[in-house]
Amino acid sequence: MWKDFFYFSRSDRRALAFFVSVIMVTTVVRLARPEPEPDDYVVAEVEDTVLRGRRPAASQETGTLQAASAVDVDVRVRRPDSVRTARPVFRRQEKYPYGTVLDLNAVDTTELKKVPGIGSYFARRIVEYRSRLGGYVSPEQILEVDERIADTVTGWFLVRDTFSISRIPVNSASVSQMKAHPYIDFYMARAIADYRRKYGKIENPAQLSLLDEFAGQDMERLSRYLSFE
């Protein structure tokens, strides 16, 4: 009776032999695998040095460890058999107090990031747009940089000097030079070049306003960036 209970067919015996082989191979591989070395990176001096704000030298054992300042990273020290990990800590950006007013044509990205509502992305875009314009003539132009910039941001800025604005020489600039300006597209630039070729020198913005490409354009805004010499 008990023989019937432990009876296995040929296919059952093959499956059982396969599983036994897998278990044996797995056991041999685990036993043959060398034990991991103790974590050379974890030393008590690292935590103490980092928390004190100093930058320790490289590990004498590995020659590769360079811990960052506690201002930049938060070091977690685990058991000696674990790997030390460092994760960046994003600290709140220092902001200017309300009532601060900055010259929009003089600030850099570091100062811009101290204005509430402006982070790294907007700061970089504001400086890039200023370069394309040739300089801001009004704080409201900052809203042209990105539609997501809040209207209240303009209250933090003023424009002290508009005499140093870079202007486009209408009668000598190439099409590529003119269309690089945010207020002039390719068709407007080509229209200016065609007009110069047909009729000669352009004397004032009124002549441009007669061209179809400039119809409906804010000529007052554009004229601040044009030179007709």
C-alpha atoms as a PDB file:
ATOM      1  CA  MET A   1       0.000   0.000   0.000  1.00  0.00           C
ATOM      2  CA  TRP A   2       2.770   2.440   0.968  1.00  0.00           C
ATOM      3  CA  LYS A   3       4.555   1.642  -2.300  1.00  0.00           C
ATOM      4  CA  ASP A   4       1.576   2.915  -4.226  1.00  0.00           C
ATOM      5  CA  PHE A   5       1.637   6.118  -2.196  1.00  0.00           C
ATOM      6  CA  PHE A   6       5.296   6.849  -3.088  1.00  0.00           C
ATOM      7  CA  TYR A   7       5.008   5.707  -6.678  1.00  0.00           C
ATOM      8  CA  PHE A   8       6.196   8.258  -9.290  1.00  0.00           C
ATOM      9  CA  SER A   9       5.749   8.034 -12.997  1.00  0.00           C
ATOM     10  CA  ARG A  10       8.685   8.490 -15.330  1.00  0.00           C
ATOM     11  CA  SER A  11       7.767  12.136 -16.043  1.00  0.00           C
ATOM     12  CA  ASP A  12       7.395  12.826 -12.293  1.00  0.00           C
ATOM     13  CA  ARG A  13      10.812  11.343 -11.625  1.00  0.00           C
ATOM     14  CA  ARG A  14      12.375  13.518 -14.338  1.00  0.00           C
ATOM     15  CA  ALA A  15      10.779  16.688 -12.931  1.00  0.00           C
ATOM     16  CA  LEU A  16      11.893  15.801  -9.406  1.00  0.00           C
ATOM     17  CA  ALA A  17      15.449  15.161 -10.592  1.00  0.00           C
ATOM     18  CA  PHE A  18      15.465  18.529 -12.379  1.00  0.00           C
ATOM     19  CA  PHE A  19      14.394  20.448  -9.278  1.00  0.00           C
ATOM     20  CA  VAL A  20      16.934  18.644  -7.110  1.00  0.00           C
ATOM     21  CA  SER A  21      19.665  19.559  -9.609  1.00  0.00           C
ATOM     22  CA  VAL A  22      18.640  23.213  -9.581  1.00  0.00           C
ATOM     23  CA  ILE A  23      18.719  23.318  -5.776  1.00  0.00           C
ATOM     24  CA  MET A  24      22.156  21.718  -5.687  1.00  0.00           C
ATOM     25  CA  VAL A  25      23.619  24.089  -8.299  1.00  0.00           C
ATOM     26  CA  THR A  26      22.189  27.113  -6.493  1.00  0.00           C
ATOM     27  CA  THR A  27      23.646  25.940  -3.191  1.00  0.00           C
ATOM     28  CA  VAL A  28      27.113  25.402  -4.712  1.00  0.00           C
ATOM     29  CA  VAL A  29      27.093  28.864  -6.322  1.00  0.00           C
ATOM     30  CA  ARG A  30      26.166  30.559  -3.046  1.00  0.00           C
ATOM     31  CA  LEU A  31      28.859  28.706  -1.144  1.00  0.00           C
ATOM     32  CA  ALA A  32      31.485  29.516  -3.769  1.00  0.00           C
ATOM     33  CA  ARG A  33      30.645  33.253  -3.800  1.00  0.00           C
ATOM     34  CA  PRO A  34      33.220  35.228  -1.752  1.00  0.00           C
ATOM     35  CA  GLU A  35      31.988  37.167   1.249  1.00  0.00           C
ATOM     36  CA  PRO A  36      31.726  40.915   0.655  1.00  0.00           C
ATOM     37  CA  GLU A  37      34.442  43.047   2.121  1.00  0.00           C
ATOM     38  CA  PRO A  38      33.538  45.372   5.006  1.00  0.00           C
ATOM     39  CA  ASP A  39      32.394  48.770   3.808  1.00  0.00           C
ATOM     40  CA  ASP A  40      35.568  50.854   3.521  1.00  0.00           C
ATOM     41  CA  TYR A  41      33.583  54.031   3.073  1.00  0.00           C
ATOM     42  CA  VAL A  42      31.884  53.991   6.459  1.00  0.00           C
ATOM     43  CA  VAL A  43      34.081  55.528   9.160  1.00  0.00           C
ATOM     44  CA  ALA A  44      33.006  57.536  12.135  1.00  0.00           C
ATOM     45  CA  GLU A  45      35.283  60.407  11.141  1.00  0.00           C
ATOM     46  CA  VAL A  46      33.300  60.977   7.920  1.00  0.00           C
ATOM     47  CA  GLU A  47      30.042  61.700   9.727  1.00  0.00           C
ATOM     48  CA  ASP A  48      31.759  63.901  12.283  1.00  0.00           C
ATOM     49  CA  THR A  49      33.734  65.844   9.657  1.00  0.00           C
ATOM     50  CA  VAL A  50      30.778  66.366   7.337  1.00  0.00           C
ATOM     51  CA  LEU A  51      28.505  67.530  10.115  1.00  0.00           C
ATOM     52  CA  ARG A  52      31.150  70.060  11.132  1.00  0.00           C
ATOM     53  CA  GLY A  53      31.143  71.495   7.612  1.00  0.00           C
ATOM     54  CA  ARG A  54      34.662  70.386   6.609  1.00  0.00           C
ATOM     55  CA  ARG A  55      35.597  68.423   3.491  1.00  0.00           C
ATOM     56  CA  PRO A  56      37.612  65.294   4.461  1.00  0.00           C
ATOM     57  CA  ALA A  57      40.442  63.955   2.365  1.00  0.00           C
ATOM     58  CA  ALA A  58      40.114  60.786   0.296  1.00  0.00           C
ATOM     59  CA  SER A  59      39.917  57.466   2.118  1.00  0.00           C
ATOM     60  CA  GLN A  60      43.351  55.964   2.750  1.00  0.00           C
ATOM     61  CA  GLU A  61      42.030  52.482   2.009  1.00  0.00           C
ATOM     62  CA  THR A  62      40.245  53.177  -1.250  1.00  0.00           C
ATOM     63  CA  GLY A  63      41.619  56.526  -2.365  1.00  0.00           C
ATOM     64  CA  THR A  64      38.265  57.373  -3.829  1.00  0.00           C
ATOM     65  CA  LEU A  65      36.073  58.802  -1.063  1.00  0.00           C
ATOM     66  CA  GLN A  66      35.519  62.524  -1.089  1.00  0.00           C
ATOM     67  CA  ALA A  67      32.644  63.568   1.165  1.00  0.00           C
ATOM     68  CA  ALA A  68      30.848  66.766   0.297  1.00  0.00           C
ATOM     69  CA  SER A  69      30.059  69.566   2.721  1.00  0.00           C
ATOM     70  CA  ALA A  70      27.017  69.197   4.952  1.00  0.00           C
ATOM     71  CA  VAL A  71      25.554  72.199   3.141  1.00  0.00           C
ATOM     72  CA  ASP A  72      25.319  70.125  -0.032  1.00  0.00           C
ATOM     73  CA  VAL A  73      24.657  66.569   1.093  1.00  0.00           C
ATOM     74  CA  ASP A  74      23.107  64.609   3.896  1.00  0.00           C
ATOM     75  CA  VAL A  75      25.232  61.555   4.748  1.00  0.00           C
ATOM     76  CA  ARG A  76      23.578  58.455   6.158  1.00  0.00           C
ATOM     77  CA  VAL A  77      25.969  56.129   8.002  1.00  0.00           C
ATOM     78  CA  ARG A  78      24.712  52.549   8.139  1.00  0.00           C
ATOM     79  CA  ARG A  79      26.085  49.297   9.506  1.00  0.00           C
ATOM     80  CA  PRO A  80      29.677  48.433   8.465  1.00  0.00           C
ATOM     81  CA  ASP A  81      28.328  45.778   6.093  1.00  0.00           C
ATOM     82  CA  SER A  82      26.149  48.247   4.211  1.00  0.00           C
ATOM     83  CA  VAL A  83      26.951  50.860   1.610  1.00  0.00           C
ATOM     84  CA  ARG A  84      26.975  54.509   2.663  1.00  0.00           C
ATOM     85  CA  THR A  85      24.706  56.633   0.528  1.00  0.00           C
ATOM     86  CA  ALA A  86      24.612  60.386   0.067  1.00  0.00           C
ATOM     87  CA  ARG A  87      21.528  62.188  -1.166  1.00  0.00           C
ATOM     88  CA  PRO A  88      21.273  65.848  -2.170  1.00  0.00           C
ATOM     89  CA  VAL A  89      19.446  68.190   0.150  1.00  0.00           C
ATOM     90  CA  PHE A  90      17.481  70.956  -1.512  1.00  0.00           C
ATOM     91  CA  ARG A  91      17.612  73.918   0.816  1.00  0.00           C
ATOM     92  CA  ARG A  92      15.265  76.853   0.552  1.00  0.00           C
ATOM     93  CA  GLN A  93      16.634  79.675  -1.605  1.00  0.00           C
ATOM     94  CA  GLU A  94      17.292  82.890   0.289  1.00  0.00           C
ATOM     95  CA  LYS A  95      14.882  85.605  -0.859  1.00  0.00           C
ATOM     96  CA  TYR A  96      15.047  89.388  -0.783  1.00  0.00           C
ATOM     97  CA  PRO A  97      12.755  91.181   1.680  1.00  0.00           C
ATOM     98  CA  TYR A  98       9.674  92.870   0.282  1.00  0.00           C
ATOM     99  CA  GLY A  99      10.374  96.409  -0.824  1.00  0.00           C
ATOM    100  CA  THR A 100      13.632  95.525  -2.575  1.00  0.00           C
ATOM    101  CA  VAL A 101      13.874  97.011  -6.084  1.00  0.00           C
ATOM    102  CA  LEU A 102      16.439  95.796  -8.616  1.00  0.00           C
ATOM    103  CA  ASP A 103      17.689  97.181 -11.922  1.00  0.00           C
ATOM    104  CA  LEU A 104      16.395  94.737 -14.518  1.00  0.00           C
ATOM    105  CA  ASN A 105      19.335  95.436 -16.826  1.00  0.00           C
ATOM    106  CA  ALA A 106      21.966  94.894 -14.138  1.00  0.00           C
ATOM    107  CA  VAL A 107      20.870  91.816 -12.193  1.00  0.00           C
ATOM    108  CA  ASP A 108      22.363  88.384 -12.797  1.00  0.00           C
ATOM    109  CA  THR A 109      20.773  84.973 -12.308  1.00  0.00           C
ATOM    110  CA  THR A 110      21.930  84.738  -8.694  1.00  0.00           C
ATOM    111  CA  GLU A 111      20.128  87.955  -7.772  1.00  0.00           C
ATOM    112  CA  LEU A 112      17.056  87.056  -9.822  1.00  0.00           C
ATOM    113  CA  LYS A 113      16.621  83.787  -7.926  1.00  0.00           C
ATOM    114  CA  LYS A 114      16.303  85.785  -4.707  1.00  0.00           C
ATOM    115  CA  VAL A 115      13.116  87.399  -5.987  1.00  0.00           C
ATOM    116  CA  PRO A 116       9.965  85.561  -4.813  1.00  0.00           C
ATOM    117  CA  GLY A 117       8.372  83.777  -7.760  1.00  0.00           C
ATOM    118  CA  ILE A 118      11.611  83.410  -9.727  1.00  0.00           C
ATOM    119  CA  GLY A 119      13.648  80.213  -9.704  1.00  0.00           C
ATOM    120  CA  SER A 120      16.627  78.973 -11.686  1.00  0.00           C
ATOM    121  CA  TYR A 121      14.648  78.386 -14.880  1.00  0.00           C
ATOM    122  CA  PHE A 122      12.966  81.808 -14.996  1.00  0.00           C
ATOM    123  CA  ALA A 123      16.193  83.553 -13.950  1.00  0.00           C
ATOM    124  CA  ARG A 124      18.070  81.997 -16.851  1.00  0.00           C
ATOM    125  CA  ARG A 125      15.295  82.810 -19.316  1.00  0.00           C
ATOM    126  CA  ILE A 126      15.099  86.452 -18.151  1.00  0.00           C
ATOM    127  CA  VAL A 127      18.821  86.975 -18.701  1.00  0.00           C
ATOM    128  CA  GLU A 128      18.711  85.243 -22.101  1.00  0.00           C
ATOM    129  CA  TYR A 129      15.751  87.364 -23.213  1.00  0.00           C
ATOM    130  CA  ARG A 130      17.543  90.530 -22.101  1.00  0.00           C
ATOM    131  CA  SER A 131      20.468  89.574 -24.309  1.00  0.00           C
ATOM    132  CA  ARG A 132      18.176  89.007 -27.320  1.00  0.00           C
ATOM    133  CA  LEU A 133      16.360  92.276 -26.775  1.00  0.00           C
ATOM    134  CA  GLY A 134      19.481  94.334 -26.314  1.00  0.00           C
ATOM    135  CA  GLY A 135      18.258  95.353 -22.867  1.00  0.00           C
ATOM    136  CA  TYR A 136      14.942  95.981 -21.168  1.00  0.00           C
ATOM    137  CA  VAL A 137      13.231  99.354 -21.496  1.00  0.00           C
ATOM    138  CA  SER A 138      10.369  98.506 -19.117  1.00  0.00           C
ATOM    139  CA  PRO A 139       9.879  96.066 -16.206  1.00  0.00           C
ATOM    140  CA  GLU A 140       6.684  94.828 -17.887  1.00  0.00           C
ATOM    141  CA  GLN A 141       8.787  93.202 -20.598  1.00  0.00           C
ATOM    142  CA  ILE A 142       9.726  90.509 -18.114  1.00  0.00           C
ATOM    143  CA  LEU A 143       6.233  89.080 -18.641  1.00  0.00           C
ATOM    144  CA  GLU A 144       7.140  88.401 -22.286  1.00  0.00           C
ATOM    145  CA  VAL A 145       9.730  85.865 -21.157  1.00  0.00           C
ATOM    146  CA  ASP A 146       7.195  83.263 -20.029  1.00  0.00           C
ATOM    147  CA  GLU A 147       3.445  83.461 -19.596  1.00  0.00           C
ATOM    148  CA  ARG A 148       3.746  81.622 -16.281  1.00  0.00           C
ATOM    149  CA  ILE A 149       5.619  84.507 -14.637  1.00  0.00           C
ATOM    150  CA  ALA A 150       3.270  86.275 -12.223  1.00  0.00           C
ATOM    151  CA  ASP A 151       2.364  89.906 -12.883  1.00  0.00           C
ATOM    152  CA  THR A 152       3.425  90.835  -9.360  1.00  0.00           C
ATOM    153  CA  VAL A 153       7.056  90.102 -10.211  1.00  0.00           C
ATOM    154  CA  THR A 154       7.337  93.394 -12.130  1.00  0.00           C
ATOM    155  CA  GLY A 155       7.092  95.312  -8.861  1.00  0.00           C
ATOM    156  CA  TRP A 156      10.550  94.094  -7.881  1.00  0.00           C
ATOM    157  CA  PHE A 157      12.259  95.774 -10.844  1.00  0.00           C
ATOM    158  CA  LEU A 158      12.931  99.097 -12.490  1.00  0.00           C
ATOM    159  CA  VAL A 159      14.969 100.213 -15.499  1.00  0.00           C
ATOM    160  CA  ARG A 160      17.397 102.992 -14.628  1.00  0.00           C
ATOM    161  CA  ASP A 161      19.150 103.417 -17.965  1.00  0.00           C
ATOM    162  CA  THR A 162      17.718 103.054 -21.467  1.00  0.00           C
ATOM    163  CA  PHE A 163      20.526 104.914 -23.223  1.00  0.00           C
ATOM    164  CA  SER A 164      22.733 101.834 -23.236  1.00  0.00           C
ATOM    165  CA  ILE A 165      20.119  99.720 -25.044  1.00  0.00           C
ATOM    166  CA  SER A 166      21.602  97.896 -28.047  1.00  0.00           C
ATOM    167  CA  ARG A 167      19.807  99.043 -31.196  1.00  0.00           C
ATOM    168  CA  ILE A 168      19.594  97.421 -34.609  1.00  0.00           C
ATOM    169  CA  PRO A 169      21.065  99.489 -37.451  1.00  0.00           C
ATOM    170  CA  VAL A 170      18.083  99.254 -39.800  1.00  0.00           C
ATOM    171  CA  ASN A 171      19.983 100.462 -42.873  1.00  0.00           C
ATOM    172  CA  SER A 172      22.936  98.088 -42.576  1.00  0.00           C
ATOM    173  CA  ALA A 173      21.878  95.012 -40.588  1.00  0.00           C
ATOM    174  CA  SER A 174      21.441  91.723 -42.407  1.00  0.00           C
ATOM    175  CA  VAL A 175      18.217  89.748 -42.451  1.00  0.00           C
ATOM    176  CA  SER A 176      19.639  87.185 -40.009  1.00  0.00           C
ATOM    177  CA  GLN A 177      20.749  89.915 -37.614  1.00  0.00           C
ATOM    178  CA  MET A 178      17.348  91.605 -37.650  1.00  0.00           C
ATOM    179  CA  LYS A 179      15.238  88.464 -37.249  1.00  0.00           C
ATOM    180  CA  ALA A 180      17.294  87.468 -34.193  1.00  0.00           C
ATOM    181  CA  HIS A 181      15.454  90.195 -32.287  1.00  0.00           C
ATOM    182  CA  PRO A 182      12.276  89.030 -30.462  1.00  0.00           C
ATOM    183  CA  TYR A 183      10.176  91.796 -32.057  1.00  0.00           C
ATOM    184  CA  ILE A 184      11.203  91.101 -35.679  1.00  0.00           C
ATOM    185  CA  ASP A 185      10.391  87.911 -37.564  1.00  0.00           C
ATOM    186  CA  PHE A 186      11.836  86.688 -40.853  1.00  0.00           C
ATOM    187  CA  TYR A 187       9.184  88.344 -43.038  1.00  0.00           C
ATOM    188  CA  MET A 188       9.618  91.711 -41.354  1.00  0.00           C
ATOM    189  CA  ALA A 189      13.391  91.527 -41.701  1.00  0.00           C
ATOM    190  CA  ARG A 190      13.130  90.596 -45.383  1.00  0.00           C
ATOM    191  CA  ALA A 191      10.663  93.454 -45.972  1.00  0.00           C
ATOM    192  CA  ILE A 192      13.181  95.932 -44.547  1.00  0.00           C
ATOM    193  CA  ALA A 193      15.961  94.533 -46.743  1.00  0.00           C
ATOM    194  CA  ASP A 194      13.729  94.711 -49.840  1.00  0.00           C
ATOM    195  CA  TYR A 195      12.710  98.290 -49.064  1.00  0.00           C
ATOM    196  CA  ARG A 196      16.342  99.355 -48.692  1.00  0.00           C
ATOM    197  CA  ARG A 197      17.232  97.756 -51.990  1.00  0.00           C
ATOM    198  CA  LYS A 198      14.350  99.423 -53.856  1.00  0.00           C
ATOM    199  CA  TYR A 199      14.091 102.829 -52.214  1.00  0.00           C
ATOM    200  CA  GLY A 200      17.303 103.406 -50.328  1.00  0.00           C
ATOM    201  CA  LYS A 201      17.776 104.536 -46.771  1.00  0.00           C
ATOM    202  CA  ILE A 202      14.958 104.242 -44.221  1.00  0.00           C
ATOM    203  CA  GLU A 203      14.611 107.479 -42.279  1.00  0.00           C
ATOM    204  CA  ASN A 204      12.112 106.723 -39.498  1.00  0.00           C
ATOM    205  CA  PRO A 205       9.630 104.183 -38.089  1.00  0.00           C
ATOM    206  CA  ALA A 206       6.773 105.777 -40.037  1.00  0.00           C
ATOM    207  CA  GLN A 207       8.203 104.360 -43.269  1.00  0.00           C
ATOM    208  CA  LEU A 208       8.170 100.871 -41.780  1.00  0.00           C
ATOM    209  CA  SER A 209       4.576 101.203 -40.620  1.00  0.00           C
ATOM    210  CA  LEU A 210       3.544 101.564 -44.291  1.00  0.00           C
ATOM    211  CA  LEU A 211       4.735  98.032 -45.029  1.00  0.00           C
ATOM    212  CA  ASP A 212       2.187  95.227 -44.833  1.00  0.00           C
ATOM    213  CA  GLU A 213       4.509  93.131 -42.653  1.00  0.00           C
ATOM    214  CA  PHE A 214       4.448  95.825 -39.955  1.00  0.00           C
ATOM    215  CA  ALA A 215       0.694  96.445 -40.002  1.00  0.00           C
ATOM    216  CA  GLY A 216      -0.736  96.101 -36.528  1.00  0.00           C
ATOM    217  CA  GLN A 217       2.700  95.966 -34.919  1.00  0.00           C
ATOM    218  CA  ASP A 218       3.501  98.058 -31.856  1.00  0.00           C
ATOM    219  CA  MET A 219       5.856 100.425 -33.634  1.00  0.00           C
ATOM    220  CA  GLU A 220       6.486 102.429 -30.480  1.00  0.00           C
ATOM    221  CA  ARG A 221       7.783  99.334 -28.738  1.00  0.00           C
ATOM    222  CA  LEU A 222       9.838  98.245 -31.742  1.00  0.00           C
ATOM    223  CA  SER A 223      11.256 101.689 -32.531  1.00  0.00           C
ATOM    224  CA  ARG A 224      13.112 101.735 -29.200  1.00  0.00           C
ATOM    225  CA  TYR A 225      15.344  99.016 -30.575  1.00  0.00           C
ATOM    226  CA  LEU A 226      15.950 100.500 -34.011  1.00  0.00           C
ATOM    227  CA  SER A 227      18.596 102.926 -35.205  1.00  0.00           C
ATOM    228  CA  PHE A 228      18.073 104.781 -38.503  1.00  0.00           C
ATOM    229  CA  GLU A 229      21.517 106.346 -38.829  1.00  0.00           C
END
